[in-house]
């Protein structure tokens, strides 16, 4: 992993901003079946290399809580930006919600499995807003591109498609009809997921569930 001395921001990395808040504030909100918006270059370009170098090494499919991962200072700085009060205010203003007092939860993925991932779904109703930040240097495959959908049954009935390219942001309100999925893909696929959730009980429950799941995934990998 990289260290703060190798970063373009100097020694006090956590005092720097890694995200383009102006681009978020200026993004157009689509208000069809459910509100969402996309910012293709949300992470500042001069921060991408450091964040990528400090991204957690994840060798198995699945979603992992931050407490189960090791990562460097640039990645930590990005997470601090995402969980900041300013981010809650900005996203809340875009979606017409008050997120200022709502707790957040962050999980990270590094690998994708065609057998396990991509099926059409909506997120848990305990999640109010879903934020996805992609950290893949490039994305040539037609598969693995997240699609926002009109129905729970047709992956080709697309509202919008988001290639999981480095620095891209997708935000949507977790309405009951916020269907999404992607064509099955196996291989590295880096994504950070931030959710504002209903209360702290949700955070504790989900963190416990993810820790247990991550433990069994590691055991399975060792046996394999």
C-alpha atoms as a PDB file:
ATOM      1  CA  UNK A   1       0.000   0.000   0.000  1.00  0.00           C
ATOM      2  CA  UNK A   2       1.068   3.571  -0.500  1.00  0.00           C
ATOM      3  CA  UNK A   3       1.891   5.992   2.292  1.00  0.00           C
ATOM      4  CA  UNK A   4       1.049   9.650   2.833  1.00  0.00           C
ATOM      5  CA  UNK A   5       4.566  10.692   1.782  1.00  0.00           C
ATOM      6  CA  UNK A   6       3.887   9.364  -1.713  1.00  0.00           C
ATOM      7  CA  UNK A   7       0.659  11.271  -2.161  1.00  0.00           C
ATOM      8  CA  UNK A   8       0.140  14.539  -4.047  1.00  0.00           C
ATOM      9  CA  UNK A   9      -1.562  16.164  -1.046  1.00  0.00           C
ATOM     10  CA  UNK A  10       1.384  16.435   1.339  1.00  0.00           C
ATOM     11  CA  UNK A  11       1.610  15.118   4.873  1.00  0.00           C
ATOM     12  CA  UNK A  12      -1.743  16.192   6.279  1.00  0.00           C
ATOM     13  CA  UNK A  13      -3.803  14.010   3.954  1.00  0.00           C
ATOM     14  CA  UNK A  14      -6.934  13.786   6.090  1.00  0.00           C
ATOM     15  CA  UNK A  15      -7.374  17.576   5.933  1.00  0.00           C
ATOM     16  CA  UNK A  16      -7.714  17.422   2.134  1.00  0.00           C
ATOM     17  CA  UNK A  17     -10.843  16.856   0.073  1.00  0.00           C
ATOM     18  CA  UNK A  18     -10.851  13.881  -2.281  1.00  0.00           C
ATOM     19  CA  UNK A  19     -14.242  14.521  -3.845  1.00  0.00           C
ATOM     20  CA  UNK A  20     -15.671  17.119  -6.215  1.00  0.00           C
ATOM     21  CA  UNK A  21     -18.576  18.488  -4.214  1.00  0.00           C
ATOM     22  CA  UNK A  22     -19.328  21.142  -6.842  1.00  0.00           C
ATOM     23  CA  UNK A  23     -19.815  18.424  -9.477  1.00  0.00           C
ATOM     24  CA  UNK A  24     -22.239  16.652  -7.136  1.00  0.00           C
ATOM     25  CA  UNK A  25     -24.176  19.825  -6.426  1.00  0.00           C
ATOM     26  CA  UNK A  26     -24.441  20.613 -10.151  1.00  0.00           C
ATOM     27  CA  UNK A  27     -25.498  17.106 -11.206  1.00  0.00           C
ATOM     28  CA  UNK A  28     -28.960  16.735 -12.707  1.00  0.00           C
ATOM     29  CA  UNK A  29     -31.379  14.599 -10.715  1.00  0.00           C
ATOM     30  CA  UNK A  30     -33.503  12.256 -12.804  1.00  0.00           C
ATOM     31  CA  UNK A  31     -36.970  12.027 -11.253  1.00  0.00           C
ATOM     32  CA  UNK A  32     -38.737   9.298 -13.189  1.00  0.00           C
ATOM     33  CA  UNK A  33     -39.651   6.120 -11.346  1.00  0.00           C
ATOM     34  CA  UNK A  34     -37.259   7.015  -8.527  1.00  0.00           C
ATOM     35  CA  UNK A  35     -34.780   9.882  -8.106  1.00  0.00           C
ATOM     36  CA  UNK A  36     -31.124   9.294  -8.933  1.00  0.00           C
ATOM     37  CA  UNK A  37     -28.089  11.127 -10.251  1.00  0.00           C
ATOM     38  CA  UNK A  38     -24.696  10.232 -11.690  1.00  0.00           C
ATOM     39  CA  UNK A  39     -21.370  12.074 -11.440  1.00  0.00           C
ATOM     40  CA  UNK A  40     -18.819  10.469 -13.813  1.00  0.00           C
ATOM     41  CA  UNK A  41     -15.706  12.060 -12.238  1.00  0.00           C
ATOM     42  CA  UNK A  42     -16.719  12.525  -8.620  1.00  0.00           C
ATOM     43  CA  UNK A  43     -13.315  11.664  -7.157  1.00  0.00           C
ATOM     44  CA  UNK A  44     -10.715  14.310  -7.963  1.00  0.00           C
ATOM     45  CA  UNK A  45      -8.377  13.147 -10.716  1.00  0.00           C
ATOM     46  CA  UNK A  46      -5.195  13.887  -8.762  1.00  0.00           C
ATOM     47  CA  UNK A  47      -6.410  11.653  -5.924  1.00  0.00           C
ATOM     48  CA  UNK A  48      -7.338   8.574  -7.951  1.00  0.00           C
ATOM     49  CA  UNK A  49      -3.887   7.009  -8.005  1.00  0.00           C
ATOM     50  CA  UNK A  50      -3.371   7.282  -4.260  1.00  0.00           C
ATOM     51  CA  UNK A  51      -6.847   5.982  -3.436  1.00  0.00           C
ATOM     52  CA  UNK A  52      -6.438   3.083  -5.845  1.00  0.00           C
ATOM     53  CA  UNK A  53      -3.094   2.163  -4.286  1.00  0.00           C
ATOM     54  CA  UNK A  54      -4.625   2.292  -0.806  1.00  0.00           C
ATOM     55  CA  UNK A  55      -7.782   0.370  -1.743  1.00  0.00           C
ATOM     56  CA  UNK A  56      -8.327  -2.756   0.401  1.00  0.00           C
ATOM     57  CA  UNK A  57      -7.058  -6.004  -1.094  1.00  0.00           C
ATOM     58  CA  UNK A  58     -10.166  -8.185  -1.433  1.00  0.00           C
ATOM     59  CA  UNK A  59      -9.684 -11.587  -3.008  1.00  0.00           C
ATOM     60  CA  UNK A  60     -13.183 -13.075  -2.653  1.00  0.00           C
ATOM     61  CA  UNK A  61     -16.642 -11.969  -3.828  1.00  0.00           C
ATOM     62  CA  UNK A  62     -18.961 -10.359  -1.346  1.00  0.00           C
ATOM     63  CA  UNK A  63     -19.498  -7.156   0.551  1.00  0.00           C
ATOM     64  CA  UNK A  64     -17.138  -6.356   3.455  1.00  0.00           C
ATOM     65  CA  UNK A  65     -17.486  -3.768   6.254  1.00  0.00           C
ATOM     66  CA  UNK A  66     -14.617  -1.367   6.833  1.00  0.00           C
ATOM     67  CA  UNK A  67     -13.787  -2.990  10.177  1.00  0.00           C
ATOM     68  CA  UNK A  68     -12.922  -6.234   8.370  1.00  0.00           C
ATOM     69  CA  UNK A  69     -10.501  -4.574   5.930  1.00  0.00           C
ATOM     70  CA  UNK A  70      -7.021  -3.075   5.859  1.00  0.00           C
ATOM     71  CA  UNK A  71      -6.392   0.041   3.792  1.00  0.00           C
ATOM     72  CA  UNK A  72      -4.171   3.104   3.559  1.00  0.00           C
ATOM     73  CA  UNK A  73      -4.532   6.763   4.420  1.00  0.00           C
ATOM     74  CA  UNK A  74      -5.796   7.956   1.040  1.00  0.00           C
ATOM     75  CA  UNK A  75      -8.657   5.475   1.095  1.00  0.00           C
ATOM     76  CA  UNK A  76      -9.365   6.484   4.705  1.00  0.00           C
ATOM     77  CA  UNK A  77      -9.504  10.115   3.639  1.00  0.00           C
ATOM     78  CA  UNK A  78     -12.027   9.315   0.918  1.00  0.00           C
ATOM     79  CA  UNK A  79     -14.241   7.487   3.412  1.00  0.00           C
ATOM     80  CA  UNK A  80     -14.063  10.475   5.765  1.00  0.00           C
ATOM     81  CA  UNK A  81     -15.255  12.733   2.949  1.00  0.00           C
ATOM     82  CA  UNK A  82     -18.116  10.385   2.088  1.00  0.00           C
ATOM     83  CA  UNK A  83     -19.315  10.216   5.695  1.00  0.00           C
ATOM     84  CA  UNK A  84     -18.988  13.946   6.307  1.00  0.00           C
ATOM     85  CA  UNK A  85     -21.806  16.273   7.310  1.00  0.00           C
ATOM     86  CA  UNK A  86     -21.254  18.216   4.079  1.00  0.00           C
ATOM     87  CA  UNK A  87     -21.899  15.089   2.018  1.00  0.00           C
ATOM     88  CA  UNK A  88     -25.116  14.362   3.949  1.00  0.00           C
ATOM     89  CA  UNK A  89     -26.355  17.915   3.374  1.00  0.00           C
ATOM     90  CA  UNK A  90     -25.475  17.892  -0.336  1.00  0.00           C
ATOM     91  CA  UNK A  91     -27.056  14.524  -1.098  1.00  0.00           C
ATOM     92  CA  UNK A  92     -30.088  15.294   1.043  1.00  0.00           C
ATOM     93  CA  UNK A  93     -30.633  18.559  -0.827  1.00  0.00           C
ATOM     94  CA  UNK A  94     -30.485  16.756  -4.176  1.00  0.00           C
ATOM     95  CA  UNK A  95     -33.025  14.117  -3.136  1.00  0.00           C
ATOM     96  CA  UNK A  96     -35.296  16.299  -1.004  1.00  0.00           C
ATOM     97  CA  UNK A  97     -34.433  14.470   2.227  1.00  0.00           C
ATOM     98  CA  UNK A  98     -33.006  15.402   5.609  1.00  0.00           C
ATOM     99  CA  UNK A  99     -30.044  13.076   6.110  1.00  0.00           C
ATOM    100  CA  UNK A 100     -28.218  15.214   8.640  1.00  0.00           C
ATOM    101  CA  UNK A 101     -29.118  13.045  11.648  1.00  0.00           C
ATOM    102  CA  UNK A 102     -29.124   9.683   9.880  1.00  0.00           C
ATOM    103  CA  UNK A 103     -26.282   7.219  10.491  1.00  0.00           C
ATOM    104  CA  UNK A 104     -24.145   5.903   7.654  1.00  0.00           C
ATOM    105  CA  UNK A 105     -22.810   2.481   6.771  1.00  0.00           C
ATOM    106  CA  UNK A 106     -19.965   1.697   4.359  1.00  0.00           C
ATOM    107  CA  UNK A 107     -19.142  -1.627   2.706  1.00  0.00           C
ATOM    108  CA  UNK A 108     -16.572  -2.448   0.034  1.00  0.00           C
ATOM    109  CA  UNK A 109     -16.346  -4.990  -2.769  1.00  0.00           C
ATOM    110  CA  UNK A 110     -13.289  -6.021  -4.723  1.00  0.00           C
ATOM    111  CA  UNK A 111     -14.364  -9.145  -6.621  1.00  0.00           C
ATOM    112  CA  UNK A 112     -17.489 -10.081  -8.550  1.00  0.00           C
ATOM    113  CA  UNK A 113     -19.003 -13.520  -9.096  1.00  0.00           C
ATOM    114  CA  UNK A 114     -21.285 -14.257 -12.044  1.00  0.00           C
ATOM    115  CA  UNK A 115     -23.014 -16.900  -9.918  1.00  0.00           C
ATOM    116  CA  UNK A 116     -23.695 -14.592  -6.960  1.00  0.00           C
ATOM    117  CA  UNK A 117     -23.821 -10.979  -8.110  1.00  0.00           C
ATOM    118  CA  UNK A 118     -25.835  -8.821 -10.481  1.00  0.00           C
ATOM    119  CA  UNK A 119     -29.320 -10.255 -10.008  1.00  0.00           C
ATOM    120  CA  UNK A 120     -32.137  -7.693 -10.195  1.00  0.00           C
ATOM    121  CA  UNK A 121     -33.051  -6.457  -6.730  1.00  0.00           C
ATOM    122  CA  UNK A 122     -33.870  -3.485  -4.557  1.00  0.00           C
ATOM    123  CA  UNK A 123     -31.885  -2.655  -1.452  1.00  0.00           C
ATOM    124  CA  UNK A 124     -33.140  -3.322   2.058  1.00  0.00           C
ATOM    125  CA  UNK A 125     -35.892  -0.951   3.169  1.00  0.00           C
ATOM    126  CA  UNK A 126     -33.770  -0.041   6.193  1.00  0.00           C
ATOM    127  CA  UNK A 127     -31.502   1.821   3.748  1.00  0.00           C
ATOM    128  CA  UNK A 128     -32.713   5.300   2.839  1.00  0.00           C
ATOM    129  CA  UNK A 129     -30.168   6.242   0.164  1.00  0.00           C
ATOM    130  CA  UNK A 130     -27.595   4.172  -1.720  1.00  0.00           C
ATOM    131  CA  UNK A 131     -24.317   5.676  -2.944  1.00  0.00           C
ATOM    132  CA  UNK A 132     -21.957   3.680  -5.162  1.00  0.00           C
ATOM    133  CA  UNK A 133     -18.427   4.834  -5.993  1.00  0.00           C
ATOM    134  CA  UNK A 134     -16.506   2.786  -8.539  1.00  0.00           C
ATOM    135  CA  UNK A 135     -12.731   2.394  -8.526  1.00  0.00           C
ATOM    136  CA  UNK A 136     -11.854   0.363 -11.636  1.00  0.00           C
ATOM    137  CA  UNK A 137      -9.165   1.931 -13.801  1.00  0.00           C
ATOM    138  CA  UNK A 138     -11.075   1.129 -16.987  1.00  0.00           C
ATOM    139  CA  UNK A 139     -14.035  -1.036 -17.957  1.00  0.00           C
ATOM    140  CA  UNK A 140     -14.101  -2.605 -21.408  1.00  0.00           C
ATOM    141  CA  UNK A 141     -16.510  -5.470 -20.709  1.00  0.00           C
ATOM    142  CA  UNK A 142     -20.188  -5.045 -21.666  1.00  0.00           C
ATOM    143  CA  UNK A 143     -20.951  -7.024 -18.501  1.00  0.00           C
ATOM    144  CA  UNK A 144     -20.822  -5.774 -14.920  1.00  0.00           C
ATOM    145  CA  UNK A 145     -22.299  -2.357 -15.804  1.00  0.00           C
ATOM    146  CA  UNK A 146     -24.951  -1.434 -13.267  1.00  0.00           C
ATOM    147  CA  UNK A 147     -28.380  -0.833 -14.767  1.00  0.00           C
ATOM    148  CA  UNK A 148     -31.197   1.078 -13.138  1.00  0.00           C
ATOM    149  CA  UNK A 149     -34.380  -0.642 -14.267  1.00  0.00           C
ATOM    150  CA  UNK A 150     -38.078  -0.080 -14.759  1.00  0.00           C
ATOM    151  CA  UNK A 151     -39.143  -3.581 -13.704  1.00  0.00           C
ATOM    152  CA  UNK A 152     -37.896  -6.443 -11.515  1.00  0.00           C
ATOM    153  CA  UNK A 153     -38.035  -8.928 -14.370  1.00  0.00           C
ATOM    154  CA  UNK A 154     -36.261  -7.434 -17.397  1.00  0.00           C
ATOM    155  CA  UNK A 155     -32.570  -6.532 -17.290  1.00  0.00           C
ATOM    156  CA  UNK A 156     -32.932  -4.835 -20.682  1.00  0.00           C
ATOM    157  CA  UNK A 157     -35.673  -2.418 -19.598  1.00  0.00           C
ATOM    158  CA  UNK A 158     -33.037   0.171 -18.703  1.00  0.00           C
ATOM    159  CA  UNK A 159     -33.454   3.659 -17.262  1.00  0.00           C
ATOM    160  CA  UNK A 160     -29.706   4.269 -17.068  1.00  0.00           C
ATOM    161  CA  UNK A 161     -26.490   2.265 -17.211  1.00  0.00           C
ATOM    162  CA  UNK A 162     -23.391   3.112 -15.180  1.00  0.00           C
ATOM    163  CA  UNK A 163     -20.017   1.662 -16.233  1.00  0.00           C
ATOM    164  CA  UNK A 164     -18.015   0.944 -13.048  1.00  0.00           C
ATOM    165  CA  UNK A 165     -15.173   3.239 -14.089  1.00  0.00           C
ATOM    166  CA  UNK A 166     -12.711   4.884 -11.758  1.00  0.00           C
ATOM    167  CA  UNK A 167     -14.126   7.798  -9.795  1.00  0.00           C
ATOM    168  CA  UNK A 168     -17.741   7.437 -10.978  1.00  0.00           C
ATOM    169  CA  UNK A 169     -20.571   8.094  -8.524  1.00  0.00           C
ATOM    170  CA  UNK A 170     -24.177   6.866  -8.556  1.00  0.00           C
ATOM    171  CA  UNK A 171     -26.711   7.995  -5.957  1.00  0.00           C
ATOM    172  CA  UNK A 172     -30.342   6.870  -5.750  1.00  0.00           C
ATOM    173  CA  UNK A 173     -33.149   7.070  -3.242  1.00  0.00           C
ATOM    174  CA  UNK A 174     -34.008   3.601  -2.068  1.00  0.00           C
ATOM    175  CA  UNK A 175     -37.642   3.551  -3.110  1.00  0.00           C
ATOM    176  CA  UNK A 176     -39.555   0.248  -3.277  1.00  0.00           C
ATOM    177  CA  UNK A 177     -39.250   0.289  -7.080  1.00  0.00           C
ATOM    178  CA  UNK A 178     -35.543   1.233  -7.264  1.00  0.00           C
ATOM    179  CA  UNK A 179     -34.688  -1.914  -9.201  1.00  0.00           C
ATOM    180  CA  UNK A 180     -31.110  -2.454 -10.304  1.00  0.00           C
ATOM    181  CA  UNK A 181     -28.780  -5.197 -11.508  1.00  0.00           C
ATOM    182  CA  UNK A 182     -26.167  -6.032 -14.121  1.00  0.00           C
ATOM    183  CA  UNK A 183     -25.178  -8.713 -16.577  1.00  0.00           C
ATOM    184  CA  UNK A 184     -23.233 -11.460 -14.761  1.00  0.00           C
ATOM    185  CA  UNK A 185     -19.502 -10.851 -14.533  1.00  0.00           C
ATOM    186  CA  UNK A 186     -16.638 -12.668 -12.823  1.00  0.00           C
ATOM    187  CA  UNK A 187     -13.433 -10.889 -11.909  1.00  0.00           C
ATOM    188  CA  UNK A 188     -12.119  -7.782 -10.133  1.00  0.00           C
ATOM    189  CA  UNK A 189     -14.788  -5.110  -9.697  1.00  0.00           C
ATOM    190  CA  UNK A 190     -14.018  -2.463  -7.096  1.00  0.00           C
ATOM    191  CA  UNK A 191     -16.917  -0.574  -5.583  1.00  0.00           C
ATOM    192  CA  UNK A 192     -17.551   1.352  -2.367  1.00  0.00           C
ATOM    193  CA  UNK A 193     -21.131   1.427  -1.094  1.00  0.00           C
ATOM    194  CA  UNK A 194     -22.325   4.094   1.316  1.00  0.00           C
ATOM    195  CA  UNK A 195     -25.828   4.027   2.765  1.00  0.00           C
ATOM    196  CA  UNK A 196     -27.716   6.396   4.972  1.00  0.00           C
ATOM    197  CA  UNK A 197     -29.895   4.143   7.106  1.00  0.00           C
ATOM    198  CA  UNK A 198     -32.896   4.541   9.377  1.00  0.00           C
ATOM    199  CA  UNK A 199     -31.136   4.175  12.753  1.00  0.00           C
ATOM    200  CA  UNK A 200     -28.018   2.920  14.515  1.00  0.00           C
ATOM    201  CA  UNK A 201     -29.608  -0.481  15.160  1.00  0.00           C
ATOM    202  CA  UNK A 202     -29.480  -1.108  11.412  1.00  0.00           C
ATOM    203  CA  UNK A 203     -25.761  -0.282  11.353  1.00  0.00           C
ATOM    204  CA  UNK A 204     -24.981  -2.676  14.229  1.00  0.00           C
ATOM    205  CA  UNK A 205     -27.058  -5.472  12.738  1.00  0.00           C
ATOM    206  CA  UNK A 206     -25.593  -5.105   9.260  1.00  0.00           C
ATOM    207  CA  UNK A 207     -22.031  -4.869  10.554  1.00  0.00           C
ATOM    208  CA  UNK A 208     -22.506  -8.087  12.494  1.00  0.00           C
ATOM    209  CA  UNK A 209     -24.027  -9.828   9.485  1.00  0.00           C
ATOM    210  CA  UNK A 210     -21.215  -8.706   7.201  1.00  0.00           C
ATOM    211  CA  UNK A 211     -18.521  -9.744   9.712  1.00  0.00           C
ATOM    212  CA  UNK A 212     -20.001 -13.230  10.021  1.00  0.00           C
ATOM    213  CA  UNK A 213     -20.341 -13.530   6.248  1.00  0.00           C
ATOM    214  CA  UNK A 214     -16.762 -12.313   5.707  1.00  0.00           C
ATOM    215  CA  UNK A 215     -15.455 -14.839   8.253  1.00  0.00           C
ATOM    216  CA  UNK A 216     -17.060 -17.791   6.483  1.00  0.00           C
ATOM    217  CA  UNK A 217     -15.881 -16.521   3.095  1.00  0.00           C
ATOM    218  CA  UNK A 218     -12.295 -16.441   4.381  1.00  0.00           C
ATOM    219  CA  UNK A 219     -12.633 -19.948   5.834  1.00  0.00           C
ATOM    220  CA  UNK A 220     -14.039 -21.216   2.551  1.00  0.00           C
ATOM    221  CA  UNK A 221     -11.169 -19.668   0.610  1.00  0.00           C
ATOM    222  CA  UNK A 222      -8.561 -21.284   2.868  1.00  0.00           C
ATOM    223  CA  UNK A 223     -10.187 -24.721   2.516  1.00  0.00           C
ATOM    224  CA  UNK A 224     -10.388 -24.312  -1.241  1.00  0.00           C
END
